[in-house]
Amino acid sequence: MSEKEMATIYLFGKKYEVPAELTIMNAMEYAGYQLKRGCGCRNGFCGACATIYRIKGENQLQTCLACSKKVENDMYIATLPFFPLVKQVYNLEAMKPEQAVMMQLYPEIYSCVGCNACTRACPQDLNVMQYIAYAQRGDFAKCADLSFDCVMCGCCSSRCPAGISHPQVAELARRLNGKYIQPQTQHLIDRVAEIEAGKWEELIQKLMQKPLAEIKELYNNRDIEK
């Protein structure tokens, strides 16, 4: 059996030899780190494992998600499990989907210098600078659509010279879009009303009494709307 290919990495400045096929997160555990924070879903969905790294001999600082990025030889790594994003407090019920909302809550977006560092930093390959441009113009539907896969990791904001909290801006746009712009789904509204009225309570209680195996079988063989 051939030996595993190894990679030399530096975790917080300390040198380690780890198998080259590991992700950064797995490499940290291989090196003996016990991950209690910044490990989340471990599958690229939650954004909790934001990480910065630099390859020896290169000047550029890179960003990634530690659960998804494989280690590279001579990689200098530091995790960024929390980036201090600015989250404004607002009442969505008292707002309207107007450009003035962004001007009031996130005026820093109008200081964007167009450097595109946010887009280059995004581990989801989102066009971050473009969705901020949509937010500036009050086009919340396009901002929501372009930012839909954002995992709120903050990598974009960590590279922004204007101090923009891109994920929070995008989240506000998606909320405004969902509440005020997108058409209502009447069958969903009707079903929620039925549940609140207690129409399905007896059925729900019967379902809760079933063995777990039977519930799984019902779920796996359910009718799925196309």
Protein backbone atom coordinates (compact mmCIF):
# COMPACT_ATOMS: atom_id res chain seq x y z
CA MET A 1 0.00 0.00 0.00
CA SER A 2 1.47 3.36 -1.03
CA GLU A 3 2.05 6.05 1.55
CA LYS A 4 -0.37 8.95 1.69
CA GLU A 5 0.74 12.18 0.08
CA MET A 6 1.37 14.71 2.83
CA ALA A 7 1.18 18.49 2.84
CA THR A 8 2.99 20.97 5.05
CA ILE A 9 0.64 23.53 6.55
CA TYR A 10 0.86 26.16 9.27
CA LEU A 11 -2.06 26.49 11.68
CA PHE A 12 -1.89 29.78 13.56
CA GLY A 13 1.82 29.85 12.81
CA LYS A 14 2.65 26.30 13.93
CA LYS A 15 3.91 23.76 11.39
CA TYR A 16 2.09 20.45 10.77
CA GLU A 17 2.32 17.58 8.31
CA VAL A 18 -1.16 16.40 7.26
CA PRO A 19 -2.62 14.14 4.55
CA ALA A 20 -3.01 16.20 1.37
CA GLU A 21 -6.56 14.99 0.69
CA LEU A 22 -7.97 16.57 3.86
CA THR A 23 -10.02 19.71 4.07
CA ILE A 24 -8.69 22.47 6.30
CA MET A 25 -11.21 21.52 8.97
CA ASN A 26 -10.26 17.86 8.88
CA ALA A 27 -6.58 18.81 8.86
CA MET A 28 -7.05 20.85 12.03
CA GLU A 29 -8.62 17.84 13.76
CA TYR A 30 -5.87 15.60 12.39
CA ALA A 31 -3.36 17.99 13.96
CA GLY A 32 -5.08 17.66 17.34
CA TYR A 33 -7.37 20.68 17.45
CA GLN A 34 -10.75 20.07 19.09
CA LEU A 35 -13.29 22.15 17.18
CA LYS A 36 -16.10 23.46 19.36
CA ARG A 37 -16.77 26.70 17.51
CA GLY A 38 -16.60 27.60 13.86
CA CYS A 39 -17.43 24.09 12.67
CA GLY A 40 -21.23 24.21 12.12
CA CYS A 41 -22.70 22.04 9.38
CA ARG A 42 -19.34 20.84 7.97
CA ASN A 43 -20.80 20.83 4.48
CA GLY A 44 -20.56 24.37 3.13
CA PHE A 45 -24.04 25.57 4.13
CA CYS A 46 -23.80 27.45 7.43
CA GLY A 47 -20.82 29.77 6.86
CA ALA A 48 -19.47 29.25 10.38
CA CYS A 49 -15.96 28.19 9.33
CA ALA A 50 -14.76 31.28 7.48
CA THR A 51 -10.98 31.02 7.07
CA ILE A 52 -8.14 33.13 5.74
CA TYR A 53 -4.95 31.68 4.30
CA ARG A 54 -1.87 32.55 2.33
CA ILE A 55 0.43 30.29 0.33
CA LYS A 56 4.11 30.70 1.15
CA GLY A 57 5.79 32.99 -1.38
CA GLU A 58 2.52 34.61 -2.45
CA ASN A 59 1.36 38.01 -1.23
CA GLN A 60 -2.37 37.61 -1.77
CA LEU A 61 -4.55 36.76 1.21
CA GLN A 62 -7.28 34.23 0.34
CA THR A 63 -10.62 33.43 1.98
CA CYS A 64 -12.54 30.15 2.08
CA LEU A 65 -14.74 27.85 4.14
CA ALA A 66 -12.57 25.41 6.10
CA CYS A 67 -15.02 22.54 5.62
CA SER A 68 -14.84 22.79 1.82
CA LYS A 69 -11.30 23.89 0.97
CA LYS A 70 -8.59 21.23 0.72
CA VAL A 71 -5.19 21.94 2.19
CA GLU A 72 -2.31 22.96 -0.05
CA ASN A 73 1.39 22.66 0.57
CA ASP A 74 2.91 25.62 2.42
CA MET A 75 -0.52 26.99 3.36
CA TYR A 76 -0.59 29.42 6.27
CA ILE A 77 -4.02 29.24 7.90
CA ALA A 78 -6.02 31.22 10.44
CA THR A 79 -9.72 30.64 11.04
CA LEU A 80 -12.19 33.51 11.10
CA PRO A 81 -15.18 31.93 12.86
CA PHE A 82 -16.85 35.28 13.51
CA PHE A 83 -16.54 38.56 11.65
CA PRO A 84 -18.13 41.62 13.30
CA LEU A 85 -20.87 42.40 10.81
CA VAL A 86 -23.11 45.40 11.51
CA LYS A 87 -26.69 44.20 11.97
CA GLN A 88 -29.18 47.02 12.26
CA VAL A 89 -32.39 46.62 14.24
CA TYR A 90 -35.59 47.27 12.29
CA ASN A 91 -39.29 46.46 12.22
CA LEU A 92 -40.09 44.81 8.91
CA GLU A 93 -43.81 45.39 9.45
CA ALA A 94 -43.28 49.16 9.54
CA MET A 95 -41.06 49.33 6.43
CA LYS A 96 -41.67 49.73 2.73
CA PRO A 97 -39.49 48.30 -0.07
CA GLU A 98 -38.00 51.66 -0.96
CA GLN A 99 -34.44 52.76 -1.65
CA ALA A 100 -34.62 55.05 1.38
CA VAL A 101 -34.56 51.96 3.62
CA MET A 102 -30.99 51.14 2.62
CA MET A 103 -29.95 54.78 2.83
CA GLN A 104 -31.21 54.88 6.40
CA LEU A 105 -30.01 51.50 7.70
CA TYR A 106 -26.89 50.75 5.67
CA PRO A 107 -25.61 54.08 4.26
CA GLU A 108 -22.09 52.65 3.99
CA ILE A 109 -23.09 50.78 0.84
CA TYR A 110 -22.96 54.12 -0.98
CA SER A 111 -19.26 54.36 -0.08
CA CYS A 112 -18.46 51.29 -2.23
CA VAL A 113 -15.35 52.02 -4.31
CA GLY A 114 -16.01 49.23 -6.83
CA CYS A 115 -12.82 47.34 -5.99
CA ASN A 116 -14.62 43.96 -6.27
CA ALA A 117 -12.64 42.55 -3.31
CA CYS A 118 -15.92 41.29 -1.84
CA THR A 119 -16.71 39.21 -4.93
CA ARG A 120 -13.21 37.76 -5.07
CA ALA A 121 -13.42 36.81 -1.39
CA CYS A 122 -16.77 35.02 -1.60
CA PRO A 123 -16.39 31.21 -1.14
CA GLN A 124 -19.82 30.76 -2.79
CA ASP A 125 -18.64 32.56 -5.96
CA LEU A 126 -21.43 35.13 -5.64
CA ASN A 127 -21.24 38.44 -7.49
CA VAL A 128 -21.29 40.36 -4.23
CA MET A 129 -20.42 43.78 -5.65
CA GLN A 130 -23.29 43.50 -8.13
CA TYR A 131 -25.92 42.64 -5.52
CA ILE A 132 -24.72 45.59 -3.43
CA ALA A 133 -25.22 47.75 -6.54
CA TYR A 134 -28.80 46.46 -6.76
CA ALA A 135 -29.31 47.29 -3.06
CA GLN A 136 -28.02 50.82 -3.69
CA ARG A 137 -30.68 51.32 -6.36
CA GLY A 138 -33.45 49.78 -4.26
CA ASP A 139 -33.83 46.81 -6.61
CA PHE A 140 -34.44 44.36 -3.80
CA ALA A 141 -35.77 41.56 -6.01
CA LYS A 142 -32.51 41.37 -8.00
CA CYS A 143 -30.41 41.77 -4.85
CA ALA A 144 -32.33 38.93 -3.21
CA ASP A 145 -31.96 36.68 -6.24
CA LEU A 146 -28.22 37.28 -6.63
CA SER A 147 -27.51 36.84 -2.91
CA PHE A 148 -29.78 33.83 -2.41
CA ASP A 149 -26.90 31.37 -1.76
CA CYS A 150 -25.14 33.62 0.77
CA VAL A 151 -24.15 31.66 3.92
CA MET A 152 -23.38 34.79 6.00
CA CYS A 153 -19.73 33.84 6.55
CA GLY A 154 -18.51 37.43 6.39
CA CYS A 155 -15.52 36.76 4.13
CA CYS A 156 -16.67 39.50 1.76
CA SER A 157 -16.90 42.07 4.55
CA SER A 158 -13.47 41.14 5.89
CA ARG A 159 -11.94 42.41 2.64
CA CYS A 160 -14.09 45.53 2.18
CA PRO A 161 -12.29 48.91 2.50
CA ALA A 162 -15.67 50.66 2.88
CA GLY A 163 -16.72 48.58 5.89
CA ILE A 164 -19.89 47.24 4.25
CA SER A 165 -21.72 44.39 5.99
CA HIS A 166 -22.72 42.72 2.73
CA PRO A 167 -24.53 39.67 4.19
CA GLN A 168 -26.75 41.84 6.40
CA VAL A 169 -27.60 44.14 3.49
CA ALA A 170 -28.53 41.11 1.39
CA GLU A 171 -30.60 39.60 4.20
CA LEU A 172 -32.63 42.79 4.50
CA ALA A 173 -33.19 42.79 0.73
CA ARG A 174 -34.38 39.17 0.83
CA ARG A 175 -36.77 39.94 3.68
CA LEU A 176 -38.22 42.95 1.89
CA ASN A 177 -38.49 40.95 -1.31
CA GLY A 178 -40.24 38.06 0.38
CA LYS A 179 -42.71 40.19 2.31
CA TYR A 180 -43.59 42.95 -0.14
CA ILE A 181 -42.47 42.14 -3.69
CA GLN A 182 -42.94 38.45 -4.43
CA PRO A 183 -46.55 37.32 -5.04
CA GLN A 184 -48.27 35.58 -2.16
CA THR A 185 -48.72 31.81 -2.31
CA GLN A 186 -52.41 31.40 -1.62
CA HIS A 187 -52.43 27.64 -1.03
CA LEU A 188 -49.72 28.09 1.63
CA ILE A 189 -51.67 30.91 3.30
CA ASP A 190 -54.79 28.72 3.32
CA ARG A 191 -52.95 25.75 4.82
CA VAL A 192 -51.39 27.85 7.60
CA ALA A 193 -54.86 29.19 8.44
CA GLU A 194 -56.19 25.63 8.63
CA ILE A 195 -53.39 24.57 10.95
CA GLU A 196 -53.95 27.57 13.23
CA ALA A 197 -57.67 26.77 13.31
CA GLY A 198 -56.88 23.24 14.53
CA LYS A 199 -58.19 21.42 11.46
CA TRP A 200 -55.19 19.06 11.33
CA GLU A 201 -54.53 18.69 15.06
CA GLU A 202 -56.00 15.19 15.33
CA LEU A 203 -54.02 13.99 12.31
CA ILE A 204 -50.81 15.55 13.68
CA GLN A 205 -51.29 13.84 17.04
CA LYS A 206 -51.86 10.46 15.35
CA LEU A 207 -48.74 10.97 13.30
CA MET A 208 -46.70 11.75 16.41
CA GLN A 209 -47.79 8.44 17.96
CA LYS A 210 -46.40 6.37 15.08
CA PRO A 211 -43.08 4.49 15.41
CA LEU A 212 -40.09 6.34 13.97
CA ALA A 213 -39.55 3.69 11.29
CA GLU A 214 -43.10 4.15 10.03
CA ILE A 215 -42.72 7.94 9.98
CA LYS A 216 -39.53 7.58 7.91
CA GLU A 217 -41.35 5.26 5.52
CA LEU A 218 -44.17 7.78 5.09
CA TYR A 219 -41.68 10.56 4.48
CA ASN A 220 -39.61 8.63 1.95
CA ASN A 221 -42.68 7.61 -0.05
CA ARG A 222 -44.64 10.86 0.18
CA ASP A 223 -46.18 12.57 -2.83
CA ILE A 224 -43.87 15.36 -3.92
CA GLU A 225 -45.31 18.36 -5.71
CA LYS A 226 -43.65 18.90 -9.09
